[in-house]
Amino acid sequence: MSDIDIRPTRFLAPISQNLVAEALADLGARYGGSGDDTPVEAMEFDPPDGGFFVAYLGDDPVGCAGWRSHTDGDGSLVASVVAELKRMYVAPQARGLGVATAMLAAVEQSAARYGRTRMILECGFRQPEAIALYEKVGYARIPDFGFYRDKPGVRSYGRNLVRITSA
């Protein structure tokens, strides 16, 4: 297997947008519709309030994920210490190679570097591989939140992050 290279990338960069489009198409095939109607603004993924990453195997972009500061339903910050995982995706040809695990670790490390102490996420019951990953690395079910909180099949998870201190 090739080494996995995870690079910080602007959310609006063409490669990011291509991967996000693939992610939404994958979700659309699983659930119907657009895949995910959660409101997302590109600036939410800019440091220090967020981060976005693209994973490469060799020269090939094969995945993406980002985090943003978590907000409540009206858009106000819930707590500056909570990050929300968004747009986690691995292309089919790269699944099972450790890309998702490496990507999740990079996103968590970035959030922790910016003072976040907890990561939360929502996914759905038609994403068994994602659910298996989150549970394997220590995420636990939490009360549903966000755009899909009242929808059947939503699964929300969270876990505390390892605090990173500057040397």
N, C-alpha and C. Protein backbone atom coordinates (compact mmCIF):
# COMPACT_ATOMS: atom_id res chain seq x y z
N MET A 1 0.84 -1.18 0.00
CA MET A 1 0.00 0.00 0.00
C MET A 1 0.88 1.25 0.00
N SER A 2 0.45 2.26 -0.73
CA SER A 2 1.15 3.54 -0.77
C SER A 2 0.94 4.28 0.54
N ASP A 3 1.85 5.20 0.82
CA ASP A 3 1.69 6.05 1.99
C ASP A 3 0.51 7.00 1.78
N ILE A 4 -0.19 7.24 2.86
CA ILE A 4 -1.32 8.16 2.84
C ILE A 4 -0.79 9.53 3.21
N ASP A 5 -1.05 10.51 2.36
CA ASP A 5 -0.60 11.88 2.57
C ASP A 5 -1.85 12.74 2.75
N ILE A 6 -1.99 13.36 3.91
CA ILE A 6 -3.16 14.18 4.19
C ILE A 6 -2.72 15.63 4.25
N ARG A 7 -3.33 16.44 3.39
CA ARG A 7 -2.92 17.84 3.24
C ARG A 7 -4.07 18.79 3.60
N PRO A 8 -3.77 19.83 4.39
CA PRO A 8 -4.77 20.87 4.60
C PRO A 8 -5.07 21.53 3.26
N THR A 9 -6.33 21.75 2.99
CA THR A 9 -6.76 22.28 1.70
C THR A 9 -7.96 23.18 1.93
N ARG A 10 -8.06 24.26 1.21
CA ARG A 10 -9.23 25.13 1.32
C ARG A 10 -10.47 24.37 0.88
N PHE A 11 -11.58 24.61 1.56
CA PHE A 11 -12.83 23.94 1.23
C PHE A 11 -13.27 24.25 -0.21
N LEU A 12 -13.02 25.48 -0.67
CA LEU A 12 -13.44 25.86 -2.02
C LEU A 12 -12.43 25.51 -3.11
N ALA A 13 -11.32 24.90 -2.75
CA ALA A 13 -10.36 24.46 -3.77
C ALA A 13 -11.04 23.45 -4.69
N PRO A 14 -10.72 23.48 -5.97
CA PRO A 14 -11.38 22.56 -6.91
C PRO A 14 -11.30 21.09 -6.48
N ILE A 15 -10.17 20.64 -5.98
CA ILE A 15 -10.05 19.23 -5.57
C ILE A 15 -10.99 18.94 -4.41
N SER A 16 -11.09 19.86 -3.47
CA SER A 16 -12.01 19.68 -2.35
C SER A 16 -13.44 19.59 -2.85
N GLN A 17 -13.82 20.51 -3.74
CA GLN A 17 -15.18 20.52 -4.25
C GLN A 17 -15.50 19.26 -5.05
N ASN A 18 -14.52 18.74 -5.79
CA ASN A 18 -14.74 17.49 -6.52
C ASN A 18 -15.02 16.34 -5.56
N LEU A 19 -14.24 16.26 -4.49
CA LEU A 19 -14.43 15.18 -3.52
C LEU A 19 -15.73 15.35 -2.74
N VAL A 20 -16.07 16.58 -2.39
CA VAL A 20 -17.35 16.83 -1.71
C VAL A 20 -18.51 16.41 -2.61
N ALA A 21 -18.40 16.71 -3.91
CA ALA A 21 -19.45 16.30 -4.86
C ALA A 21 -19.57 14.77 -4.90
N GLU A 22 -18.43 14.07 -4.87
CA GLU A 22 -18.46 12.61 -4.83
C GLU A 22 -19.11 12.12 -3.53
N ALA A 23 -18.78 12.78 -2.43
CA ALA A 23 -19.36 12.40 -1.14
C ALA A 23 -20.87 12.57 -1.16
N LEU A 24 -21.34 13.69 -1.68
CA LEU A 24 -22.77 13.94 -1.72
C LEU A 24 -23.47 12.97 -2.67
N ALA A 25 -22.81 12.61 -3.77
CA ALA A 25 -23.39 11.62 -4.69
C ALA A 25 -23.51 10.26 -4.01
N ASP A 26 -22.49 9.89 -3.23
CA ASP A 26 -22.52 8.63 -2.48
C ASP A 26 -23.68 8.64 -1.48
N LEU A 27 -23.82 9.74 -0.74
CA LEU A 27 -24.92 9.84 0.22
C LEU A 27 -26.27 9.86 -0.50
N GLY A 28 -26.34 10.52 -1.65
CA GLY A 28 -27.58 10.54 -2.43
C GLY A 28 -27.98 9.15 -2.88
N ALA A 29 -27.00 8.32 -3.26
CA ALA A 29 -27.29 6.95 -3.66
C ALA A 29 -27.81 6.12 -2.48
N ARG A 30 -27.31 6.43 -1.29
CA ARG A 30 -27.74 5.69 -0.09
C ARG A 30 -29.09 6.14 0.44
N TYR A 31 -29.32 7.46 0.41
CA TYR A 31 -30.50 8.03 1.06
C TYR A 31 -31.49 8.71 0.11
N GLY A 32 -31.08 8.98 -1.11
CA GLY A 32 -31.91 9.73 -2.03
C GLY A 32 -31.66 11.21 -1.91
N GLY A 33 -32.22 11.97 -2.81
CA GLY A 33 -32.07 13.42 -2.77
C GLY A 33 -30.65 13.87 -3.05
N SER A 34 -30.31 15.01 -2.47
CA SER A 34 -28.99 15.61 -2.70
C SER A 34 -27.89 14.92 -1.90
N GLY A 35 -28.27 14.06 -0.96
CA GLY A 35 -27.29 13.38 -0.13
C GLY A 35 -27.17 13.99 1.25
N ASP A 36 -27.08 15.31 1.32
CA ASP A 36 -26.98 16.00 2.61
C ASP A 36 -27.36 17.45 2.41
N ASP A 37 -28.42 17.86 3.06
CA ASP A 37 -28.90 19.23 2.95
C ASP A 37 -28.45 20.11 4.11
N THR A 38 -27.56 19.60 4.95
CA THR A 38 -27.05 20.39 6.06
C THR A 38 -26.41 21.67 5.52
N PRO A 39 -26.80 22.83 6.02
CA PRO A 39 -26.15 24.07 5.58
C PRO A 39 -24.67 24.07 5.94
N VAL A 40 -23.84 24.37 4.95
CA VAL A 40 -22.39 24.42 5.14
C VAL A 40 -21.88 25.66 4.41
N GLU A 41 -21.07 26.43 5.10
CA GLU A 41 -20.43 27.61 4.52
C GLU A 41 -18.93 27.34 4.44
N ALA A 42 -18.32 27.69 3.33
CA ALA A 42 -16.89 27.44 3.13
C ALA A 42 -16.04 28.02 4.24
N MET A 43 -16.36 29.22 4.70
CA MET A 43 -15.54 29.89 5.72
C MET A 43 -15.54 29.15 7.05
N GLU A 44 -16.54 28.27 7.28
CA GLU A 44 -16.57 27.50 8.53
C GLU A 44 -15.37 26.56 8.65
N PHE A 45 -14.72 26.26 7.53
CA PHE A 45 -13.60 25.34 7.52
C PHE A 45 -12.25 26.05 7.51
N ASP A 46 -12.27 27.36 7.75
CA ASP A 46 -11.03 28.13 7.82
C ASP A 46 -10.53 28.18 9.26
N PRO A 47 -9.22 27.93 9.46
CA PRO A 47 -8.67 28.09 10.80
C PRO A 47 -8.86 29.53 11.29
N PRO A 48 -9.04 29.75 12.55
CA PRO A 48 -8.97 28.80 13.66
C PRO A 48 -10.31 28.15 14.00
N ASP A 49 -11.34 28.42 13.21
CA ASP A 49 -12.67 27.90 13.52
C ASP A 49 -12.99 26.58 12.84
N GLY A 50 -12.06 26.08 12.04
CA GLY A 50 -12.28 24.82 11.34
C GLY A 50 -11.06 24.43 10.54
N GLY A 51 -11.19 23.36 9.81
CA GLY A 51 -10.12 22.90 8.94
C GLY A 51 -10.67 21.91 7.93
N PHE A 52 -10.05 21.84 6.76
CA PHE A 52 -10.47 20.89 5.74
C PHE A 52 -9.22 20.22 5.17
N PHE A 53 -9.35 18.93 4.84
CA PHE A 53 -8.20 18.13 4.46
C PHE A 53 -8.55 17.23 3.28
N VAL A 54 -7.54 16.97 2.45
CA VAL A 54 -7.66 16.03 1.35
C VAL A 54 -6.59 14.96 1.52
N ALA A 55 -7.00 13.71 1.36
CA ALA A 55 -6.08 12.58 1.47
C ALA A 55 -5.64 12.14 0.07
N TYR A 56 -4.36 11.82 -0.04
CA TYR A 56 -3.79 11.35 -1.31
C TYR A 56 -3.14 10.00 -1.10
N LEU A 57 -3.27 9.15 -2.09
CA LEU A 57 -2.45 7.94 -2.23
C LEU A 57 -1.62 8.18 -3.48
N GLY A 58 -0.32 8.36 -3.29
CA GLY A 58 0.50 8.80 -4.42
C GLY A 58 0.03 10.17 -4.84
N ASP A 59 -0.23 10.32 -6.14
CA ASP A 59 -0.71 11.60 -6.67
C ASP A 59 -2.22 11.68 -6.74
N ASP A 60 -2.90 10.62 -6.32
CA ASP A 60 -4.35 10.55 -6.48
C ASP A 60 -5.09 11.02 -5.23
N PRO A 61 -5.95 12.04 -5.37
CA PRO A 61 -6.80 12.43 -4.24
C PRO A 61 -7.87 11.38 -4.03
N VAL A 62 -7.97 10.86 -2.80
CA VAL A 62 -8.88 9.73 -2.55
C VAL A 62 -9.85 9.97 -1.39
N GLY A 63 -9.81 11.13 -0.77
CA GLY A 63 -10.73 11.35 0.33
C GLY A 63 -10.65 12.77 0.85
N CYS A 64 -11.65 13.11 1.67
CA CYS A 64 -11.68 14.44 2.27
C CYS A 64 -12.43 14.37 3.60
N ALA A 65 -12.19 15.35 4.41
CA ALA A 65 -12.92 15.52 5.68
C ALA A 65 -12.57 16.88 6.23
N GLY A 66 -13.48 17.38 7.04
CA GLY A 66 -13.22 18.66 7.67
C GLY A 66 -13.90 18.75 9.02
N TRP A 67 -13.58 19.80 9.73
CA TRP A 67 -14.25 20.09 11.00
C TRP A 67 -14.60 21.57 11.01
N ARG A 68 -15.66 21.86 11.75
CA ARG A 68 -16.07 23.24 11.96
C ARG A 68 -16.48 23.37 13.42
N SER A 69 -16.44 24.58 13.91
CA SER A 69 -16.92 24.83 15.26
C SER A 69 -18.41 24.51 15.29
N HIS A 70 -18.83 23.82 16.32
CA HIS A 70 -20.22 23.39 16.40
C HIS A 70 -21.11 24.54 16.82
N THR A 71 -22.23 24.67 16.14
CA THR A 71 -23.22 25.70 16.47
C THR A 71 -24.56 25.04 16.77
N ASP A 72 -25.42 25.77 17.46
CA ASP A 72 -26.76 25.23 17.70
C ASP A 72 -27.65 25.58 16.51
N GLY A 73 -28.92 25.28 16.60
CA GLY A 73 -29.84 25.44 15.49
C GLY A 73 -29.96 26.84 14.93
N ASP A 74 -29.72 27.87 15.75
CA ASP A 74 -29.86 29.24 15.25
C ASP A 74 -28.54 29.81 14.76
N GLY A 75 -27.49 28.99 14.72
CA GLY A 75 -26.21 29.43 14.20
C GLY A 75 -25.26 29.99 15.22
N SER A 76 -25.69 30.14 16.48
CA SER A 76 -24.77 30.65 17.49
C SER A 76 -23.88 29.53 17.99
N LEU A 77 -22.69 29.89 18.39
CA LEU A 77 -21.74 28.89 18.87
C LEU A 77 -22.26 28.25 20.15
N VAL A 78 -22.26 26.92 20.17
CA VAL A 78 -22.65 26.20 21.38
C VAL A 78 -21.53 26.30 22.40
N ALA A 79 -20.37 25.97 21.99
CA ALA A 79 -19.20 26.05 22.86
C ALA A 79 -17.98 26.06 21.96
N SER A 80 -17.05 26.91 22.25
CA SER A 80 -15.87 27.00 21.40
C SER A 80 -14.98 25.78 21.51
N VAL A 81 -15.33 24.87 22.39
CA VAL A 81 -14.49 23.68 22.56
C VAL A 81 -15.01 22.47 21.79
N VAL A 82 -16.15 22.59 21.12
CA VAL A 82 -16.75 21.47 20.40
C VAL A 82 -16.55 21.65 18.90
N ALA A 83 -16.04 20.61 18.25
CA ALA A 83 -15.86 20.59 16.80
C ALA A 83 -16.83 19.57 16.22
N GLU A 84 -17.27 19.83 15.00
CA GLU A 84 -18.17 18.92 14.30
C GLU A 84 -17.49 18.41 13.04
N LEU A 85 -17.42 17.10 12.90
CA LEU A 85 -16.86 16.47 11.71
C LEU A 85 -17.85 16.60 10.57
N LYS A 86 -17.37 17.03 9.40
CA LYS A 86 -18.23 17.18 8.22
C LYS A 86 -17.50 16.68 6.98
N ARG A 87 -18.28 16.21 6.04
CA ARG A 87 -17.83 15.84 4.70
C ARG A 87 -16.71 14.80 4.68
N MET A 88 -16.80 13.83 5.60
CA MET A 88 -15.85 12.72 5.63
C MET A 88 -16.20 11.78 4.49
N TYR A 89 -15.21 11.51 3.63
CA TYR A 89 -15.46 10.68 2.45
C TYR A 89 -14.16 10.02 2.01
N VAL A 90 -14.27 8.76 1.61
CA VAL A 90 -13.16 8.04 0.98
C VAL A 90 -13.69 7.43 -0.31
N ALA A 91 -12.98 7.64 -1.40
CA ALA A 91 -13.37 7.10 -2.70
C ALA A 91 -13.39 5.57 -2.64
N PRO A 92 -14.30 4.94 -3.38
CA PRO A 92 -14.43 3.48 -3.32
C PRO A 92 -13.13 2.71 -3.54
N GLN A 93 -12.29 3.16 -4.46
CA GLN A 93 -11.04 2.44 -4.76
C GLN A 93 -10.03 2.50 -3.62
N ALA A 94 -10.24 3.40 -2.65
CA ALA A 94 -9.29 3.54 -1.54
C ALA A 94 -9.84 3.02 -0.22
N ARG A 95 -11.05 2.50 -0.24
CA ARG A 95 -11.64 2.00 1.01
C ARG A 95 -10.93 0.72 1.45
N GLY A 96 -10.81 0.59 2.76
CA GLY A 96 -10.13 -0.58 3.33
C GLY A 96 -8.63 -0.45 3.39
N LEU A 97 -8.09 0.73 3.06
CA LEU A 97 -6.64 0.94 3.05
C LEU A 97 -6.15 1.80 4.21
N GLY A 98 -7.05 2.16 5.11
CA GLY A 98 -6.66 2.98 6.25
C GLY A 98 -6.80 4.47 6.04
N VAL A 99 -7.33 4.88 4.89
CA VAL A 99 -7.46 6.30 4.58
C VAL A 99 -8.40 6.98 5.57
N ALA A 100 -9.55 6.39 5.83
CA ALA A 100 -10.53 7.02 6.73
C ALA A 100 -9.96 7.17 8.14
N THR A 101 -9.28 6.17 8.62
CA THR A 101 -8.70 6.24 9.96
C THR A 101 -7.65 7.35 10.03
N ALA A 102 -6.79 7.43 9.02
CA ALA A 102 -5.75 8.47 8.99
C ALA A 102 -6.38 9.85 8.86
N MET A 103 -7.41 9.95 8.03
CA MET A 103 -8.08 11.24 7.85
C MET A 103 -8.74 11.70 9.14
N LEU A 104 -9.44 10.79 9.81
CA LEU A 104 -10.10 11.13 11.06
C LEU A 104 -9.08 11.60 12.10
N ALA A 105 -7.95 10.92 12.17
CA ALA A 105 -6.89 11.32 13.11
C ALA A 105 -6.38 12.72 12.78
N ALA A 106 -6.19 13.02 11.51
CA ALA A 106 -5.70 14.35 11.12
C ALA A 106 -6.71 15.44 11.48
N VAL A 107 -7.98 15.17 11.24
CA VAL A 107 -9.03 16.14 11.57
C VAL A 107 -9.08 16.37 13.07
N GLU A 108 -9.02 15.29 13.85
CA GLU A 108 -9.05 15.42 15.30
C GLU A 108 -7.84 16.19 15.82
N GLN A 109 -6.66 15.91 15.27
CA GLN A 109 -5.45 16.61 15.70
C GLN A 109 -5.54 18.10 15.40
N SER A 110 -6.08 18.44 14.23
CA SER A 110 -6.25 19.84 13.87
C SER A 110 -7.20 20.53 14.84
N ALA A 111 -8.33 19.91 15.10
CA ALA A 111 -9.31 20.50 16.02
C ALA A 111 -8.70 20.68 17.41
N ALA A 112 -7.97 19.69 17.87
CA ALA A 112 -7.34 19.77 19.19
C ALA A 112 -6.30 20.89 19.23
N ARG A 113 -5.54 21.05 18.13
CA ARG A 113 -4.55 22.13 18.07
C ARG A 113 -5.20 23.50 18.24
N TYR A 114 -6.43 23.62 17.80
CA TYR A 114 -7.15 24.89 17.92
C TYR A 114 -8.04 24.92 19.15
N GLY A 115 -7.73 24.08 20.12
CA GLY A 115 -8.38 24.16 21.42
C GLY A 115 -9.68 23.41 21.57
N ARG A 116 -10.08 22.64 20.56
CA ARG A 116 -11.31 21.87 20.70
C ARG A 116 -11.03 20.63 21.54
N THR A 117 -11.94 20.31 22.42
CA THR A 117 -11.75 19.16 23.32
C THR A 117 -12.72 18.03 23.04
N ARG A 118 -13.65 18.25 22.13
CA ARG A 118 -14.65 17.22 21.81
C ARG A 118 -14.99 17.30 20.32
N MET A 119 -15.15 16.12 19.71
CA MET A 119 -15.59 16.03 18.31
C MET A 119 -16.93 15.33 18.30
N ILE A 120 -17.87 15.90 17.54
CA ILE A 120 -19.17 15.27 17.38
C ILE A 120 -19.44 15.11 15.87
N LEU A 121 -20.36 14.23 15.54
CA LEU A 121 -20.71 14.01 14.14
C LEU A 121 -22.08 13.39 14.06
N GLU A 122 -22.68 13.52 12.89
CA GLU A 122 -23.91 12.79 12.62
C GLU A 122 -23.75 12.08 11.30
N CYS A 123 -24.28 10.86 11.25
CA CYS A 123 -24.31 10.08 10.03
C CYS A 123 -25.63 9.32 10.03
N GLY A 124 -25.78 8.38 9.15
CA GLY A 124 -27.04 7.66 9.06
C GLY A 124 -26.86 6.17 9.06
N PHE A 125 -27.95 5.47 9.27
CA PHE A 125 -27.93 4.02 9.40
C PHE A 125 -27.50 3.32 8.12
N ARG A 126 -27.51 3.99 6.98
CA ARG A 126 -27.08 3.38 5.72
C ARG A 126 -25.59 3.58 5.45
N GLN A 127 -24.86 3.92 6.49
CA GLN A 127 -23.40 4.08 6.40
C GLN A 127 -22.73 3.14 7.41
N PRO A 128 -22.94 1.85 7.28
CA PRO A 128 -22.41 0.92 8.29
C PRO A 128 -20.89 0.95 8.41
N GLU A 129 -20.18 1.21 7.32
CA GLU A 129 -18.72 1.25 7.41
C GLU A 129 -18.27 2.47 8.21
N ALA A 130 -18.96 3.58 8.06
CA ALA A 130 -18.62 4.77 8.85
C ALA A 130 -18.91 4.53 10.33
N ILE A 131 -20.08 3.98 10.60
CA ILE A 131 -20.44 3.68 11.99
C ILE A 131 -19.43 2.74 12.62
N ALA A 132 -19.01 1.72 11.89
CA ALA A 132 -18.02 0.76 12.41
C ALA A 132 -16.70 1.47 12.72
N LEU A 133 -16.26 2.37 11.84
CA LEU A 133 -15.03 3.12 12.09
C LEU A 133 -15.15 3.97 13.34
N TYR A 134 -16.21 4.75 13.44
CA TYR A 134 -16.36 5.63 14.59
C TYR A 134 -16.38 4.85 15.89
N GLU A 135 -17.12 3.76 15.91
CA GLU A 135 -17.18 2.96 17.14
C GLU A 135 -15.84 2.30 17.44
N LYS A 136 -15.13 1.85 16.41
CA LYS A 136 -13.82 1.21 16.60
C LYS A 136 -12.81 2.14 17.25
N VAL A 137 -12.87 3.44 16.89
CA VAL A 137 -11.88 4.37 17.44
C VAL A 137 -12.37 5.10 18.69
N GLY A 138 -13.53 4.69 19.21
CA GLY A 138 -13.94 5.20 20.51
C GLY A 138 -15.07 6.20 20.54
N TYR A 139 -15.72 6.43 19.42
CA TYR A 139 -16.88 7.31 19.44
C TYR A 139 -18.06 6.57 20.05
N ALA A 140 -18.89 7.28 20.80
CA ALA A 140 -20.07 6.71 21.44
C ALA A 140 -21.29 7.51 21.00
N ARG A 141 -22.43 6.84 20.99
CA ARG A 141 -23.68 7.51 20.63
C ARG A 141 -23.95 8.66 21.60
N ILE A 142 -24.43 9.76 21.05
CA ILE A 142 -24.84 10.92 21.83
C ILE A 142 -26.25 11.31 21.37
N PRO A 143 -26.93 12.18 22.11
CA PRO A 143 -28.24 12.62 21.63
C PRO A 143 -28.12 13.24 20.23
N ASP A 144 -29.07 12.93 19.38
CA ASP A 144 -29.03 13.45 18.02
C ASP A 144 -29.08 14.97 18.04
N PHE A 145 -28.40 15.58 17.09
CA PHE A 145 -28.30 17.04 17.00
C PHE A 145 -28.30 17.42 15.52
N GLY A 146 -28.28 18.67 15.27
CA GLY A 146 -28.04 19.16 13.93
C GLY A 146 -29.24 19.08 13.01
N PHE A 147 -28.97 19.23 11.76
CA PHE A 147 -29.98 19.33 10.72
C PHE A 147 -30.92 18.12 10.68
N TYR A 148 -30.39 16.94 10.94
CA TYR A 148 -31.18 15.71 10.83
C TYR A 148 -31.62 15.14 12.18
N ARG A 149 -31.53 15.89 13.25
CA ARG A 149 -31.77 15.36 14.59
C ARG A 149 -33.12 14.69 14.78
N ASP A 150 -34.15 15.12 14.07
CA ASP A 150 -35.48 14.53 14.25
C ASP A 150 -35.83 13.53 13.16
N LYS A 151 -34.88 13.17 12.32
CA LYS A 151 -35.15 12.26 11.21
C LYS A 151 -34.88 10.81 11.63
N PRO A 152 -35.67 9.89 11.12
CA PRO A 152 -35.41 8.48 11.42
C PRO A 152 -34.09 8.04 10.79
N GLY A 153 -33.38 7.20 11.49
CA GLY A 153 -32.13 6.64 10.96
C GLY A 153 -30.89 7.45 11.24
N VAL A 154 -31.03 8.65 11.82
CA VAL A 154 -29.84 9.44 12.12
C VAL A 154 -29.08 8.79 13.28
N ARG A 155 -27.77 8.87 13.22
CA ARG A 155 -26.91 8.37 14.27
C ARG A 155 -25.90 9.45 14.60
N SER A 156 -25.91 9.93 15.84
CA SER A 156 -24.96 10.96 16.27
C SER A 156 -23.96 10.34 17.23
N TYR A 157 -22.71 10.75 17.09
CA TYR A 157 -21.61 10.22 17.88
C TYR A 157 -20.73 11.35 18.38
N GLY A 158 -19.98 11.08 19.43
CA GLY A 158 -19.02 12.04 19.95
C GLY A 158 -17.94 11.36 20.73
N ARG A 159 -16.83 12.06 20.88
CA ARG A 159 -15.77 11.60 21.77
C ARG A 159 -14.89 12.78 22.13
N ASN A 160 -14.26 12.64 23.28
CA ASN A 160 -13.32 13.66 23.73
C ASN A 160 -12.03 13.53 22.95
N LEU A 161 -11.40 14.66 22.69
CA LEU A 161 -10.14 14.68 21.96
C LEU A 161 -8.97 14.74 22.92
N VAL A 162 -7.86 14.25 22.48
CA VAL A 162 -6.62 14.34 23.24
C VAL A 162 -6.12 15.77 23.13
N ARG A 163 -5.88 16.39 24.24
CA ARG A 163 -5.42 17.78 24.27
C ARG A 163 -4.01 17.86 23.73
N ILE A 164 -3.78 18.79 22.81
CA ILE A 164 -2.45 19.01 22.25
C ILE A 164 -1.95 20.33 22.79
N THR A 165 -0.80 20.32 23.40
CA THR A 165 -0.21 21.55 23.92
C THR A 165 1.03 21.90 23.10
N SER A 166 1.28 23.17 22.96
CA SER A 166 2.46 23.62 22.22
C SER A 166 3.70 23.39 23.06
N ALA A 167 4.77 23.03 22.39
CA ALA A 167 6.03 22.79 23.10
C ALA A 167 6.82 24.05 23.24
